[in-house]
């Protein structure tokens, strides 16, 4: 036997939808730029460059190592790998990154591009276990 939806069911559904919208809005608004973002470029586990990501900065460069080379492009606050000599090209498909904690990795060429927010207020002072 089928029961009808009453006003309490509708209120519950609307409450769940409202809570989900609030959680989504908080997550979206919480990722607003809080400080300078810096792209750290590592090759063979060595830091080879630091680049501040701003809307008016644009550059291209090639990072070469014994394993291969990668052409890195920085523009409009984003960084991405434009060309690579690796066989699988996974690093090319990782796309553009600009947010704190995002990483592009090219394992065959031993290259890593990491974004960090240069805001000391967000850093942890101590971790207690």
Protein backbone atom coordinates (compact mmCIF):
# COMPACT_ATOMS: atom_id res chain seq x y z
CA UNK A 1 0.00 0.00 0.00
CA UNK A 2 1.27 3.43 -0.93
CA UNK A 3 1.39 6.23 1.59
CA UNK A 4 1.04 9.88 0.71
CA UNK A 5 3.81 12.37 1.35
CA UNK A 6 2.80 14.58 4.22
CA UNK A 7 4.01 18.04 5.20
CA UNK A 8 6.65 16.62 7.59
CA UNK A 9 8.24 14.60 4.79
CA UNK A 10 8.45 17.71 2.63
CA UNK A 11 9.94 19.70 5.53
CA UNK A 12 12.56 16.99 6.07
CA UNK A 13 13.50 16.92 2.38
CA UNK A 14 13.77 20.72 2.23
CA UNK A 15 15.91 20.75 5.39
CA UNK A 16 18.30 18.18 3.93
CA UNK A 17 18.57 20.17 0.69
CA UNK A 18 19.19 23.42 2.62
CA UNK A 19 21.93 21.82 4.74
CA UNK A 20 23.63 20.45 1.61
CA UNK A 21 23.51 23.88 -0.06
CA UNK A 22 25.02 25.50 3.05
CA UNK A 23 27.83 22.94 3.19
CA UNK A 24 28.57 23.45 -0.51
CA UNK A 25 28.51 27.25 -0.16
CA UNK A 26 30.85 27.13 2.85
CA UNK A 27 33.29 24.90 1.00
CA UNK A 28 33.24 27.17 -2.03
CA UNK A 29 33.62 30.41 -0.09
CA UNK A 30 36.31 28.94 2.15
CA UNK A 31 38.65 28.48 -0.84
CA UNK A 32 38.85 32.21 -1.58
CA UNK A 33 42.40 33.54 -1.97
CA UNK A 34 43.87 34.09 1.47
CA UNK A 35 47.46 34.89 0.57
CA UNK A 36 50.08 34.70 -2.10
CA UNK A 37 50.20 31.36 -3.82
CA UNK A 38 53.59 30.07 -4.85
CA UNK A 39 54.36 27.32 -7.34
CA UNK A 40 57.34 25.24 -6.25
CA UNK A 41 59.03 23.28 -9.05
CA UNK A 42 61.05 20.21 -8.06
CA UNK A 43 63.22 18.12 -10.37
CA UNK A 44 65.02 15.01 -9.15
CA UNK A 45 63.85 15.92 -5.63
CA UNK A 46 65.61 19.32 -5.77
CA UNK A 47 63.86 22.70 -5.73
CA UNK A 48 64.60 24.32 -9.08
CA UNK A 49 62.22 27.29 -8.96
CA UNK A 50 59.63 29.29 -7.03
CA UNK A 51 57.04 31.35 -8.90
CA UNK A 52 54.39 33.60 -7.37
CA UNK A 53 51.05 33.00 -9.06
CA UNK A 54 49.41 36.31 -9.91
CA UNK A 55 46.93 37.32 -12.59
CA UNK A 56 49.44 39.52 -14.41
CA UNK A 57 52.43 37.14 -14.43
CA UNK A 58 53.14 34.98 -17.47
CA UNK A 59 56.12 32.76 -18.26
CA UNK A 60 57.15 29.54 -19.95
CA UNK A 61 60.26 27.51 -19.26
CA UNK A 62 61.68 24.04 -19.74
CA UNK A 63 62.92 21.87 -16.88
CA UNK A 64 65.41 19.31 -18.11
CA UNK A 65 66.82 16.36 -16.20
CA UNK A 66 68.52 13.08 -17.01
CA UNK A 67 65.07 11.48 -17.18
CA UNK A 68 63.56 13.91 -19.69
CA UNK A 69 62.16 17.42 -20.04
CA UNK A 70 58.92 19.23 -19.26
CA UNK A 71 57.72 22.59 -20.59
CA UNK A 72 55.90 24.44 -17.80
CA UNK A 73 53.51 27.32 -18.45
CA UNK A 74 52.42 29.90 -15.84
CA UNK A 75 49.68 32.38 -16.69
CA UNK A 76 46.72 34.14 -15.01
CA UNK A 77 47.46 32.56 -11.63
CA UNK A 78 47.56 29.02 -13.01
CA UNK A 79 50.41 26.62 -13.73
CA UNK A 80 50.38 23.58 -16.01
CA UNK A 81 52.66 21.33 -17.99
CA UNK A 82 52.41 22.10 -21.69
CA UNK A 83 54.83 19.55 -23.16
CA UNK A 84 56.63 16.50 -21.79
CA UNK A 85 58.98 13.84 -23.11
CA UNK A 86 57.55 11.14 -20.85
CA UNK A 87 55.90 8.17 -22.60
CA UNK A 88 52.52 8.24 -20.84
CA UNK A 89 51.83 12.04 -20.81
CA UNK A 90 49.76 11.77 -17.61
CA UNK A 91 51.28 15.04 -16.38
CA UNK A 92 49.76 16.86 -19.37
CA UNK A 93 46.29 15.57 -18.54
CA UNK A 94 46.43 16.73 -14.92
CA UNK A 95 45.47 20.18 -16.20
CA UNK A 96 45.85 23.63 -14.71
CA UNK A 97 46.34 24.05 -10.97
CA UNK A 98 46.13 27.14 -8.78
CA UNK A 99 44.86 26.14 -5.32
CA UNK A 100 46.86 25.47 -2.19
CA UNK A 101 47.87 21.83 -1.95
CA UNK A 102 47.36 20.95 -5.61
CA UNK A 103 50.18 19.00 -7.26
CA UNK A 104 51.21 17.96 -10.76
CA UNK A 105 53.60 15.01 -10.90
CA UNK A 106 55.55 13.54 -13.81
CA UNK A 107 56.99 10.30 -12.47
CA UNK A 108 59.05 9.25 -15.53
CA UNK A 109 60.78 12.67 -15.64
CA UNK A 110 60.97 12.96 -11.83
CA UNK A 111 59.23 16.36 -11.81
CA UNK A 112 56.76 17.81 -9.30
CA UNK A 113 54.88 21.12 -9.32
CA UNK A 114 53.30 21.99 -5.97
CA UNK A 115 51.15 24.98 -4.99
CA UNK A 116 51.47 26.37 -1.48
CA UNK A 117 49.70 29.31 0.11
CA UNK A 118 52.30 31.68 1.55
CA UNK A 119 50.18 32.64 4.57
CA UNK A 120 51.88 31.86 7.90
CA UNK A 121 48.61 32.34 9.83
CA UNK A 122 47.24 29.09 8.40
CA UNK A 123 50.26 26.99 9.35
CA UNK A 124 50.08 24.59 12.26
CA UNK A 125 52.05 25.49 15.38
CA UNK A 126 51.94 22.07 16.96
CA UNK A 127 50.20 18.73 16.53
CA UNK A 128 49.10 16.88 19.66
CA UNK A 129 48.33 13.20 19.55
